[in-house]
Amino acid sequence: MRAAVLLVPLLLLAACKDEPRFEERYDKAAKEIEARAKAMDADIAKSDAAAAAASEGLQPAAKPSNAPPSSGE
């Protein structure tokens, strides 16, 4: 019985010790956010490059023709 009384506080203390500190959790989250942002930037750059490559072969759009000005009659 004495062992159980001594063991409970030790288990509680050990359980609290494993929890990461705020600074550690913040640094981990900041690194994950930065990695996601870099991945998004890379995807956007890749999409822009693909769109530019696809539009190189296209002819410029023809300007719409305008009707001749009216003589007022």
N, C-alpha and C. Protein backbone atom coordinates (compact mmCIF):
# COMPACT_ATOMS: atom_id res chain seq x y z
N MET A 1 0.81 -1.18 0.00
CA MET A 1 0.00 0.00 0.00
C MET A 1 0.86 1.26 0.00
N ARG A 2 1.96 1.18 0.75
CA ARG A 2 2.87 2.32 0.79
C ARG A 2 3.47 2.59 -0.59
N ALA A 3 3.72 1.54 -1.29
CA ALA A 3 4.30 1.69 -2.63
C ALA A 3 3.35 2.43 -3.55
N ALA A 4 2.06 2.15 -3.42
CA ALA A 4 1.07 2.84 -4.24
C ALA A 4 1.01 4.31 -3.89
N VAL A 5 1.11 4.64 -2.63
CA VAL A 5 1.08 6.05 -2.19
C VAL A 5 2.29 6.79 -2.72
N LEU A 6 3.44 6.13 -2.75
CA LEU A 6 4.65 6.77 -3.26
C LEU A 6 4.69 6.79 -4.79
N LEU A 7 4.06 5.82 -5.38
CA LEU A 7 4.10 5.70 -6.82
C LEU A 7 3.21 6.72 -7.53
N VAL A 8 2.08 7.07 -6.97
CA VAL A 8 1.13 8.00 -7.61
C VAL A 8 1.77 9.37 -7.83
N PRO A 9 2.40 10.01 -6.85
CA PRO A 9 3.02 11.31 -7.12
C PRO A 9 4.14 11.23 -8.16
N LEU A 10 4.87 10.14 -8.16
CA LEU A 10 5.93 9.98 -9.16
C LEU A 10 5.37 9.88 -10.57
N LEU A 11 4.26 9.16 -10.71
CA LEU A 11 3.63 9.03 -12.02
C LEU A 11 3.09 10.38 -12.50
N LEU A 12 2.48 11.13 -11.60
CA LEU A 12 1.97 12.45 -11.96
C LEU A 12 3.10 13.39 -12.36
N LEU A 13 4.18 13.34 -11.64
CA LEU A 13 5.33 14.18 -11.95
C LEU A 13 5.93 13.79 -13.30
N ALA A 14 6.00 12.52 -13.58
CA ALA A 14 6.55 12.04 -14.86
C ALA A 14 5.65 12.42 -16.01
N ALA A 15 4.35 12.40 -15.80
CA ALA A 15 3.41 12.75 -16.86
C ALA A 15 3.52 14.23 -17.21
N CYS A 16 3.73 15.07 -16.25
CA CYS A 16 3.84 16.52 -16.49
C CYS A 16 5.17 16.87 -17.16
N LYS A 17 6.17 16.09 -16.90
CA LYS A 17 7.50 16.38 -17.44
C LYS A 17 7.54 16.22 -18.97
N ASP A 18 6.74 15.34 -19.53
CA ASP A 18 6.78 15.07 -20.96
C ASP A 18 6.09 16.14 -21.80
N GLU A 19 5.27 16.99 -21.22
CA GLU A 19 4.55 18.00 -21.98
C GLU A 19 5.52 19.08 -22.46
N PRO A 20 5.50 19.40 -23.76
CA PRO A 20 6.43 20.42 -24.27
C PRO A 20 6.06 21.81 -23.77
N ARG A 21 7.06 22.65 -23.65
CA ARG A 21 6.85 24.02 -23.21
C ARG A 21 6.21 24.83 -24.33
N PHE A 22 5.70 26.00 -23.95
CA PHE A 22 5.04 26.86 -24.93
C PHE A 22 6.00 27.24 -26.05
N GLU A 23 7.22 27.60 -25.71
CA GLU A 23 8.19 28.02 -26.72
C GLU A 23 8.47 26.91 -27.72
N GLU A 24 8.54 25.68 -27.24
CA GLU A 24 8.79 24.55 -28.13
C GLU A 24 7.61 24.33 -29.07
N ARG A 25 6.38 24.41 -28.51
CA ARG A 25 5.19 24.24 -29.35
C ARG A 25 5.08 25.38 -30.36
N TYR A 26 5.41 26.62 -29.94
CA TYR A 26 5.35 27.78 -30.83
C TYR A 26 6.35 27.62 -31.98
N ASP A 27 7.58 27.25 -31.64
CA ASP A 27 8.61 27.07 -32.68
C ASP A 27 8.20 25.99 -33.67
N LYS A 28 7.63 24.90 -33.18
CA LYS A 28 7.21 23.81 -34.06
C LYS A 28 6.10 24.29 -35.00
N ALA A 29 5.11 25.01 -34.45
CA ALA A 29 4.01 25.51 -35.27
C ALA A 29 4.52 26.53 -36.29
N ALA A 30 5.44 27.39 -35.89
CA ALA A 30 5.99 28.39 -36.81
C ALA A 30 6.72 27.72 -37.97
N LYS A 31 7.46 26.67 -37.68
CA LYS A 31 8.18 25.95 -38.74
C LYS A 31 7.20 25.27 -39.69
N GLU A 32 6.13 24.69 -39.15
CA GLU A 32 5.13 24.04 -40.01
C GLU A 32 4.43 25.07 -40.91
N ILE A 33 4.10 26.22 -40.35
CA ILE A 33 3.43 27.27 -41.13
C ILE A 33 4.36 27.78 -42.22
N GLU A 34 5.63 27.97 -41.88
CA GLU A 34 6.60 28.44 -42.88
C GLU A 34 6.77 27.42 -44.01
N ALA A 35 6.80 26.15 -43.66
CA ALA A 35 6.93 25.11 -44.68
C ALA A 35 5.71 25.08 -45.59
N ARG A 36 4.52 25.24 -45.02
CA ARG A 36 3.29 25.28 -45.83
C ARG A 36 3.28 26.49 -46.75
N ALA A 37 3.73 27.63 -46.24
CA ALA A 37 3.76 28.85 -47.06
C ALA A 37 4.73 28.69 -48.22
N LYS A 38 5.88 28.10 -47.97
CA LYS A 38 6.84 27.87 -49.06
C LYS A 38 6.28 26.91 -50.10
N ALA A 39 5.57 25.89 -49.64
CA ALA A 39 4.97 24.95 -50.59
C ALA A 39 3.90 25.64 -51.42
N MET A 40 3.10 26.50 -50.79
CA MET A 40 2.08 27.24 -51.55
C MET A 40 2.72 28.17 -52.57
N ASP A 41 3.79 28.86 -52.17
CA ASP A 41 4.49 29.75 -53.09
C ASP A 41 5.06 28.97 -54.28
N ALA A 42 5.58 27.80 -54.01
CA ALA A 42 6.12 26.97 -55.10
C ALA A 42 5.01 26.53 -56.04
N ASP A 43 3.85 26.14 -55.50
CA ASP A 43 2.72 25.74 -56.34
C ASP A 43 2.23 26.90 -57.20
N ILE A 44 2.17 28.09 -56.62
CA ILE A 44 1.72 29.27 -57.37
C ILE A 44 2.71 29.59 -58.48
N ALA A 45 4.00 29.54 -58.18
CA ALA A 45 5.01 29.81 -59.20
C ALA A 45 4.94 28.79 -60.33
N LYS A 46 4.70 27.53 -59.97
CA LYS A 46 4.59 26.48 -60.98
C LYS A 46 3.36 26.71 -61.86
N SER A 47 2.25 27.10 -61.26
CA SER A 47 1.03 27.37 -62.02
C SER A 47 1.22 28.57 -62.94
N ASP A 48 1.87 29.62 -62.42
CA ASP A 48 2.12 30.81 -63.24
C ASP A 48 3.02 30.47 -64.43
N ALA A 49 4.02 29.66 -64.20
CA ALA A 49 4.93 29.27 -65.28
C ALA A 49 4.18 28.44 -66.33
N ALA A 50 3.32 27.54 -65.88
CA ALA A 50 2.56 26.73 -66.82
C ALA A 50 1.59 27.58 -67.62
N ALA A 51 0.96 28.55 -66.98
CA ALA A 51 0.03 29.43 -67.68
C ALA A 51 0.76 30.30 -68.70
N ALA A 52 1.94 30.77 -68.34
CA ALA A 52 2.72 31.59 -69.26
C ALA A 52 3.18 30.75 -70.46
N ALA A 53 3.58 29.52 -70.22
CA ALA A 53 4.02 28.65 -71.31
C ALA A 53 2.85 28.32 -72.23
N ALA A 54 1.68 28.13 -71.67
CA ALA A 54 0.52 27.80 -72.49
C ALA A 54 0.07 28.99 -73.32
N SER A 55 0.23 30.18 -72.80
CA SER A 55 -0.24 31.36 -73.53
C SER A 55 0.76 31.85 -74.56
N GLU A 56 2.00 31.35 -74.56
CA GLU A 56 3.00 31.78 -75.53
C GLU A 56 2.60 31.37 -76.95
N GLY A 57 2.00 30.25 -77.11
CA GLY A 57 1.64 29.76 -78.44
C GLY A 57 0.36 30.36 -78.99
N LEU A 58 -0.36 31.08 -78.17
CA LEU A 58 -1.62 31.66 -78.62
C LEU A 58 -1.38 32.97 -79.36
N GLN A 59 -2.24 33.23 -80.34
CA GLN A 59 -2.16 34.50 -81.06
C GLN A 59 -2.87 35.55 -80.22
N PRO A 60 -2.45 36.80 -80.34
CA PRO A 60 -3.13 37.84 -79.58
C PRO A 60 -4.58 37.96 -80.05
N ALA A 61 -5.43 38.29 -79.14
CA ALA A 61 -6.85 38.41 -79.47
C ALA A 61 -7.05 39.57 -80.44
N ALA A 62 -7.91 39.35 -81.44
CA ALA A 62 -8.19 40.40 -82.42
C ALA A 62 -9.02 41.49 -81.76
N LYS A 63 -8.72 42.72 -82.14
CA LYS A 63 -9.48 43.84 -81.60
C LYS A 63 -10.85 43.84 -82.27
N PRO A 64 -11.88 44.16 -81.53
CA PRO A 64 -13.20 44.19 -82.15
C PRO A 64 -13.27 45.35 -83.15
N SER A 65 -13.92 45.07 -84.27
CA SER A 65 -14.03 46.12 -85.28
C SER A 65 -15.09 47.13 -84.85
N ASN A 66 -14.83 48.36 -85.15
CA ASN A 66 -15.78 49.42 -84.84
C ASN A 66 -16.50 49.82 -86.13
N ALA A 67 -17.75 50.10 -85.99
CA ALA A 67 -18.51 50.56 -87.15
C ALA A 67 -18.03 51.96 -87.53
N PRO A 68 -18.11 52.31 -88.83
CA PRO A 68 -17.68 53.66 -89.22
C PRO A 68 -18.56 54.71 -88.53
N PRO A 69 -17.95 55.83 -88.24
CA PRO A 69 -18.74 56.86 -87.54
C PRO A 69 -19.92 57.29 -88.39
N SER A 70 -20.97 57.63 -87.73
CA SER A 70 -22.18 58.05 -88.40
C SER A 70 -22.03 59.49 -88.92
N SER A 71 -22.68 59.77 -90.06
CA SER A 71 -22.61 61.12 -90.60
C SER A 71 -23.65 62.04 -89.94
N GLY A 72 -24.46 61.48 -89.10
CA GLY A 72 -25.45 62.26 -88.40
C GLY A 72 -26.76 62.35 -89.14
N GLU A 73 -26.89 61.72 -90.26
CA GLU A 73 -28.14 61.80 -91.03
C GLU A 73 -29.00 60.61 -90.83
